[in-house]
Amino acid sequence: MKSIEWGLLFNEYHMNDYDAEELENIVEDLMIDDDVNNKKGIYYYLFNQKEKHLSIRAFSPAMKRAAFERQNGICSLCGNEFKINEMEAGARTYVPAPFIYSISDSVSH
């Protein structure tokens, strides 16, 4: 990828041992994750594990409440009703906390 400082990464981390297959799986998972806003930051994250490089989208309590109310407390995955503290917000929906989540439909652009 352009604009990644590969030389700096090499200089800092070249002495470490890495499993190429594991790194590729992490890159693949993060590339398809809608909550990761900075895709080039994935490569920095691989080496130093600092989530700041990923620019992960966060949702305010008001945004979470709006999604919860829009769905009337009903999980979009299973159709069951839950309390707001039992659910998590994400890009498109509000779902029970153990599930991977997604709320951007509730966010006005």
N, C-alpha and C. Protein backbone atom coordinates (compact mmCIF):
# COMPACT_ATOMS: atom_id res chain seq x y z
N MET A 1 0.85 -1.18 0.00
CA MET A 1 0.00 0.00 0.00
C MET A 1 0.88 1.23 0.00
N LYS A 2 0.40 2.23 -0.73
CA LYS A 2 1.12 3.50 -0.76
C LYS A 2 1.00 4.20 0.59
N SER A 3 1.93 5.05 0.86
CA SER A 3 1.99 5.91 2.05
C SER A 3 2.25 5.16 3.36
N ILE A 4 2.57 3.89 3.30
CA ILE A 4 3.00 3.17 4.50
C ILE A 4 4.51 3.24 4.54
N GLU A 5 5.05 3.61 5.66
CA GLU A 5 6.50 3.75 5.80
C GLU A 5 7.12 2.38 6.09
N TRP A 6 7.24 1.60 5.03
CA TRP A 6 7.73 0.23 5.16
C TRP A 6 9.15 0.18 5.73
N GLY A 7 9.98 1.13 5.36
CA GLY A 7 11.36 1.16 5.87
C GLY A 7 11.40 1.32 7.38
N LEU A 8 10.57 2.22 7.89
CA LEU A 8 10.52 2.43 9.35
C LEU A 8 10.00 1.18 10.05
N LEU A 9 8.98 0.55 9.48
CA LEU A 9 8.46 -0.68 10.07
C LEU A 9 9.54 -1.77 10.08
N PHE A 10 10.24 -1.89 8.97
CA PHE A 10 11.30 -2.89 8.90
C PHE A 10 12.38 -2.61 9.94
N ASN A 11 12.83 -1.37 10.01
CA ASN A 11 13.91 -1.01 10.95
C ASN A 11 13.51 -1.31 12.40
N GLU A 12 12.25 -1.07 12.72
CA GLU A 12 11.83 -1.26 14.10
C GLU A 12 11.49 -2.71 14.45
N TYR A 13 10.97 -3.48 13.49
CA TYR A 13 10.42 -4.80 13.83
C TYR A 13 11.08 -5.98 13.11
N HIS A 14 12.16 -5.76 12.37
CA HIS A 14 12.73 -6.85 11.57
C HIS A 14 13.36 -7.98 12.38
N MET A 15 13.66 -7.74 13.62
CA MET A 15 14.27 -8.78 14.45
C MET A 15 13.24 -9.73 15.06
N ASN A 16 11.96 -9.38 14.97
CA ASN A 16 10.90 -10.21 15.56
C ASN A 16 10.52 -11.34 14.60
N ASP A 17 10.04 -12.43 15.17
CA ASP A 17 9.55 -13.55 14.36
C ASP A 17 8.04 -13.41 14.20
N TYR A 18 7.56 -13.63 12.98
CA TYR A 18 6.13 -13.52 12.70
C TYR A 18 5.67 -14.73 11.91
N ASP A 19 4.42 -15.10 12.12
CA ASP A 19 3.78 -16.16 11.36
C ASP A 19 3.03 -15.49 10.22
N ALA A 20 3.51 -15.65 8.99
CA ALA A 20 2.93 -14.98 7.83
C ALA A 20 1.46 -15.32 7.64
N GLU A 21 1.10 -16.57 7.88
CA GLU A 21 -0.30 -16.97 7.72
C GLU A 21 -1.19 -16.28 8.74
N GLU A 22 -0.73 -16.19 9.97
CA GLU A 22 -1.49 -15.51 11.02
C GLU A 22 -1.65 -14.03 10.69
N LEU A 23 -0.57 -13.39 10.24
CA LEU A 23 -0.64 -11.98 9.88
C LEU A 23 -1.62 -11.75 8.73
N GLU A 24 -1.59 -12.63 7.74
CA GLU A 24 -2.50 -12.52 6.60
C GLU A 24 -3.94 -12.66 7.05
N ASN A 25 -4.22 -13.56 7.98
CA ASN A 25 -5.58 -13.73 8.50
C ASN A 25 -6.05 -12.47 9.23
N ILE A 26 -5.16 -11.87 9.99
CA ILE A 26 -5.50 -10.64 10.71
C ILE A 26 -5.80 -9.52 9.72
N VAL A 27 -4.94 -9.36 8.71
CA VAL A 27 -5.14 -8.33 7.69
C VAL A 27 -6.48 -8.54 7.00
N GLU A 28 -6.76 -9.77 6.61
CA GLU A 28 -8.01 -10.09 5.92
C GLU A 28 -9.22 -9.73 6.78
N ASP A 29 -9.20 -10.12 8.05
CA ASP A 29 -10.31 -9.82 8.95
C ASP A 29 -10.51 -8.33 9.13
N LEU A 30 -9.42 -7.60 9.31
CA LEU A 30 -9.52 -6.16 9.54
C LEU A 30 -9.91 -5.40 8.27
N MET A 31 -9.50 -5.88 7.11
CA MET A 31 -9.85 -5.22 5.85
C MET A 31 -11.35 -5.25 5.59
N ILE A 32 -12.02 -6.31 6.02
CA ILE A 32 -13.46 -6.40 5.78
C ILE A 32 -14.29 -5.85 6.94
N ASP A 33 -13.63 -5.43 8.01
CA ASP A 33 -14.32 -4.88 9.18
C ASP A 33 -14.74 -3.44 8.89
N ASP A 34 -16.05 -3.18 8.85
CA ASP A 34 -16.57 -1.85 8.56
C ASP A 34 -16.21 -0.82 9.63
N ASP A 35 -15.89 -1.27 10.83
CA ASP A 35 -15.56 -0.34 11.90
C ASP A 35 -14.12 0.18 11.83
N VAL A 36 -13.30 -0.45 10.99
CA VAL A 36 -11.92 0.01 10.82
C VAL A 36 -11.93 1.08 9.73
N ASN A 37 -11.68 2.33 10.14
CA ASN A 37 -11.72 3.45 9.20
C ASN A 37 -10.40 3.71 8.51
N ASN A 38 -9.29 3.28 9.07
CA ASN A 38 -7.98 3.54 8.50
C ASN A 38 -7.34 2.22 8.08
N LYS A 39 -7.62 1.81 6.85
CA LYS A 39 -7.14 0.50 6.38
C LYS A 39 -5.61 0.43 6.34
N LYS A 40 -4.93 1.52 5.99
CA LYS A 40 -3.47 1.45 5.96
C LYS A 40 -2.89 1.30 7.37
N GLY A 41 -3.65 1.71 8.38
CA GLY A 41 -3.20 1.56 9.76
C GLY A 41 -3.13 0.11 10.21
N ILE A 42 -3.77 -0.79 9.44
CA ILE A 42 -3.75 -2.21 9.79
C ILE A 42 -2.31 -2.71 9.87
N TYR A 43 -1.48 -2.27 8.96
CA TYR A 43 -0.10 -2.77 8.92
C TYR A 43 0.71 -2.28 10.11
N TYR A 44 0.48 -1.06 10.56
CA TYR A 44 1.14 -0.57 11.76
C TYR A 44 0.63 -1.34 12.98
N TYR A 45 -0.69 -1.58 13.00
CA TYR A 45 -1.31 -2.33 14.09
C TYR A 45 -0.74 -3.74 14.22
N LEU A 46 -0.46 -4.38 13.10
CA LEU A 46 0.10 -5.74 13.14
C LEU A 46 1.35 -5.82 14.00
N PHE A 47 2.15 -4.79 13.92
CA PHE A 47 3.45 -4.82 14.60
C PHE A 47 3.41 -4.28 16.02
N ASN A 48 2.62 -3.23 16.28
CA ASN A 48 2.67 -2.66 17.63
C ASN A 48 1.38 -2.82 18.43
N GLN A 49 0.34 -3.40 17.83
CA GLN A 49 -0.92 -3.68 18.51
C GLN A 49 -1.60 -2.44 19.11
N LYS A 50 -1.34 -1.26 18.56
CA LYS A 50 -1.99 -0.04 19.03
C LYS A 50 -3.22 0.23 18.16
N GLU A 51 -4.40 0.11 18.78
CA GLU A 51 -5.64 0.26 18.03
C GLU A 51 -5.82 1.65 17.44
N LYS A 52 -5.09 2.64 17.94
CA LYS A 52 -5.22 4.00 17.41
C LYS A 52 -4.93 4.03 15.91
N HIS A 53 -4.12 3.12 15.41
CA HIS A 53 -3.79 3.08 13.99
C HIS A 53 -4.99 2.66 13.13
N LEU A 54 -5.96 2.00 13.74
CA LEU A 54 -7.11 1.49 13.00
C LEU A 54 -8.24 2.52 12.88
N SER A 55 -8.21 3.55 13.72
CA SER A 55 -9.29 4.54 13.76
C SER A 55 -10.65 3.85 13.82
N ILE A 56 -10.83 3.04 14.83
CA ILE A 56 -12.07 2.29 14.99
C ILE A 56 -13.21 3.24 15.31
N ARG A 57 -14.30 3.08 14.56
CA ARG A 57 -15.47 3.94 14.74
C ARG A 57 -16.11 3.64 16.08
N ALA A 58 -16.39 4.69 16.81
CA ALA A 58 -17.04 4.56 18.11
C ALA A 58 -18.40 5.25 18.05
N PHE A 59 -19.33 4.79 18.84
CA PHE A 59 -20.68 5.34 18.84
C PHE A 59 -21.00 5.95 20.18
N SER A 60 -21.57 7.14 20.15
CA SER A 60 -21.95 7.82 21.39
C SER A 60 -23.17 7.13 22.00
N PRO A 61 -23.41 7.34 23.29
CA PRO A 61 -24.60 6.77 23.90
C PRO A 61 -25.89 7.21 23.18
N ALA A 62 -25.92 8.44 22.69
CA ALA A 62 -27.11 8.92 21.98
C ALA A 62 -27.32 8.15 20.68
N MET A 63 -26.24 7.85 19.97
CA MET A 63 -26.34 7.08 18.73
C MET A 63 -26.83 5.66 19.02
N LYS A 64 -26.31 5.07 20.10
CA LYS A 64 -26.73 3.72 20.48
C LYS A 64 -28.21 3.71 20.85
N ARG A 65 -28.63 4.72 21.62
CA ARG A 65 -30.03 4.81 22.05
C ARG A 65 -30.94 4.97 20.82
N ALA A 66 -30.53 5.79 19.85
CA ALA A 66 -31.34 6.00 18.64
C ALA A 66 -31.53 4.69 17.88
N ALA A 67 -30.48 3.91 17.75
CA ALA A 67 -30.58 2.62 17.05
C ALA A 67 -31.47 1.66 17.83
N PHE A 68 -31.30 1.64 19.13
CA PHE A 68 -32.12 0.77 19.98
C PHE A 68 -33.60 1.13 19.85
N GLU A 69 -33.91 2.41 19.91
CA GLU A 69 -35.30 2.87 19.81
C GLU A 69 -35.86 2.59 18.42
N ARG A 70 -35.06 2.78 17.40
CA ARG A 70 -35.49 2.53 16.02
C ARG A 70 -35.91 1.08 15.85
N GLN A 71 -35.23 0.18 16.55
CA GLN A 71 -35.52 -1.25 16.47
C GLN A 71 -36.51 -1.71 17.53
N ASN A 72 -36.97 -0.78 18.38
CA ASN A 72 -37.90 -1.11 19.46
C ASN A 72 -37.36 -2.20 20.38
N GLY A 73 -36.04 -2.25 20.54
CA GLY A 73 -35.42 -3.22 21.43
C GLY A 73 -35.38 -4.64 20.88
N ILE A 74 -35.70 -4.78 19.61
CA ILE A 74 -35.75 -6.11 18.98
C ILE A 74 -34.44 -6.36 18.25
N CYS A 75 -33.82 -7.50 18.51
CA CYS A 75 -32.58 -7.88 17.85
C CYS A 75 -32.85 -8.13 16.36
N SER A 76 -32.03 -7.54 15.50
CA SER A 76 -32.20 -7.72 14.06
C SER A 76 -31.72 -9.09 13.60
N LEU A 77 -30.99 -9.80 14.45
CA LEU A 77 -30.50 -11.12 14.07
C LEU A 77 -31.46 -12.24 14.47
N CYS A 78 -31.95 -12.19 15.73
CA CYS A 78 -32.76 -13.30 16.23
C CYS A 78 -34.23 -12.95 16.42
N GLY A 79 -34.55 -11.65 16.44
CA GLY A 79 -35.94 -11.23 16.60
C GLY A 79 -36.42 -11.18 18.04
N ASN A 80 -35.56 -11.48 19.00
CA ASN A 80 -35.94 -11.43 20.41
C ASN A 80 -35.80 -10.02 20.96
N GLU A 81 -36.53 -9.73 22.02
CA GLU A 81 -36.47 -8.41 22.66
C GLU A 81 -35.42 -8.43 23.77
N PHE A 82 -34.64 -7.34 23.85
CA PHE A 82 -33.59 -7.21 24.86
C PHE A 82 -33.64 -5.83 25.48
N LYS A 83 -33.05 -5.69 26.66
CA LYS A 83 -32.87 -4.38 27.30
C LYS A 83 -31.66 -3.72 26.64
N ILE A 84 -31.60 -2.40 26.72
CA ILE A 84 -30.52 -1.67 26.05
C ILE A 84 -29.14 -2.06 26.58
N ASN A 85 -29.03 -2.36 27.88
CA ASN A 85 -27.72 -2.73 28.44
C ASN A 85 -27.29 -4.15 28.06
N GLU A 86 -28.17 -4.90 27.42
CA GLU A 86 -27.85 -6.25 26.98
C GLU A 86 -27.42 -6.28 25.50
N MET A 87 -27.38 -5.10 24.89
CA MET A 87 -27.11 -5.04 23.46
C MET A 87 -25.90 -4.16 23.15
N GLU A 88 -25.37 -4.30 21.95
CA GLU A 88 -24.24 -3.54 21.47
C GLU A 88 -24.60 -2.87 20.15
N ALA A 89 -24.00 -1.73 19.89
CA ALA A 89 -24.27 -1.00 18.65
C ALA A 89 -23.12 -1.17 17.68
N GLY A 90 -23.43 -1.09 16.41
CA GLY A 90 -22.42 -1.17 15.37
C GLY A 90 -22.86 -0.41 14.14
N ALA A 91 -22.43 -0.81 12.97
CA ALA A 91 -22.64 -0.04 11.75
C ALA A 91 -24.09 -0.01 11.28
N ARG A 92 -24.84 -1.06 11.46
CA ARG A 92 -26.19 -1.08 10.90
C ARG A 92 -27.29 -1.43 11.90
N THR A 93 -26.97 -2.15 12.93
CA THR A 93 -28.02 -2.65 13.82
C THR A 93 -27.60 -2.61 15.27
N TYR A 94 -28.52 -2.99 16.10
CA TYR A 94 -28.27 -3.10 17.53
C TYR A 94 -28.59 -4.55 17.88
N VAL A 95 -27.62 -5.28 18.39
CA VAL A 95 -27.79 -6.71 18.62
C VAL A 95 -27.31 -7.08 20.02
N PRO A 96 -27.70 -8.27 20.52
CA PRO A 96 -27.22 -8.69 21.85
C PRO A 96 -25.70 -8.64 21.94
N ALA A 97 -25.20 -8.27 23.08
CA ALA A 97 -23.77 -8.03 23.29
C ALA A 97 -22.84 -9.13 22.79
N PRO A 98 -23.15 -10.40 22.88
CA PRO A 98 -22.19 -11.40 22.40
C PRO A 98 -21.98 -11.40 20.89
N PHE A 99 -22.92 -10.83 20.15
CA PHE A 99 -22.79 -10.84 18.69
C PHE A 99 -21.87 -9.73 18.21
N ILE A 100 -21.33 -9.91 17.03
CA ILE A 100 -20.60 -8.82 16.39
C ILE A 100 -21.65 -7.83 15.94
N TYR A 101 -21.36 -6.57 16.11
CA TYR A 101 -22.38 -5.57 15.90
C TYR A 101 -22.11 -4.64 14.76
N SER A 102 -23.08 -3.98 14.39
CA SER A 102 -23.00 -3.03 13.33
C SER A 102 -24.09 -1.97 13.52
N ILE A 103 -24.21 0.10 13.58
CA ILE A 103 -25.36 1.04 13.63
C ILE A 103 -25.37 2.20 12.65
N SER A 104 -24.72 2.27 11.61
CA SER A 104 -24.65 3.54 10.91
C SER A 104 -25.97 3.99 10.30
N ASP A 105 -26.97 3.13 10.25
CA ASP A 105 -28.29 3.55 9.76
C ASP A 105 -28.89 4.60 10.69
N SER A 106 -28.50 4.57 11.96
CA SER A 106 -29.05 5.54 12.90
C SER A 106 -28.28 6.84 12.90
N VAL A 107 -27.18 6.88 12.20
CA VAL A 107 -26.34 8.08 12.17
C VAL A 107 -26.71 8.91 10.97
N SER A 108 -27.03 10.18 11.19
CA SER A 108 -27.32 11.04 10.03
C SER A 108 -26.04 11.65 9.51
N HIS A 109 -25.89 11.62 8.22
CA HIS A 109 -24.68 12.16 7.59
C HIS A 109 -24.99 13.50 6.99
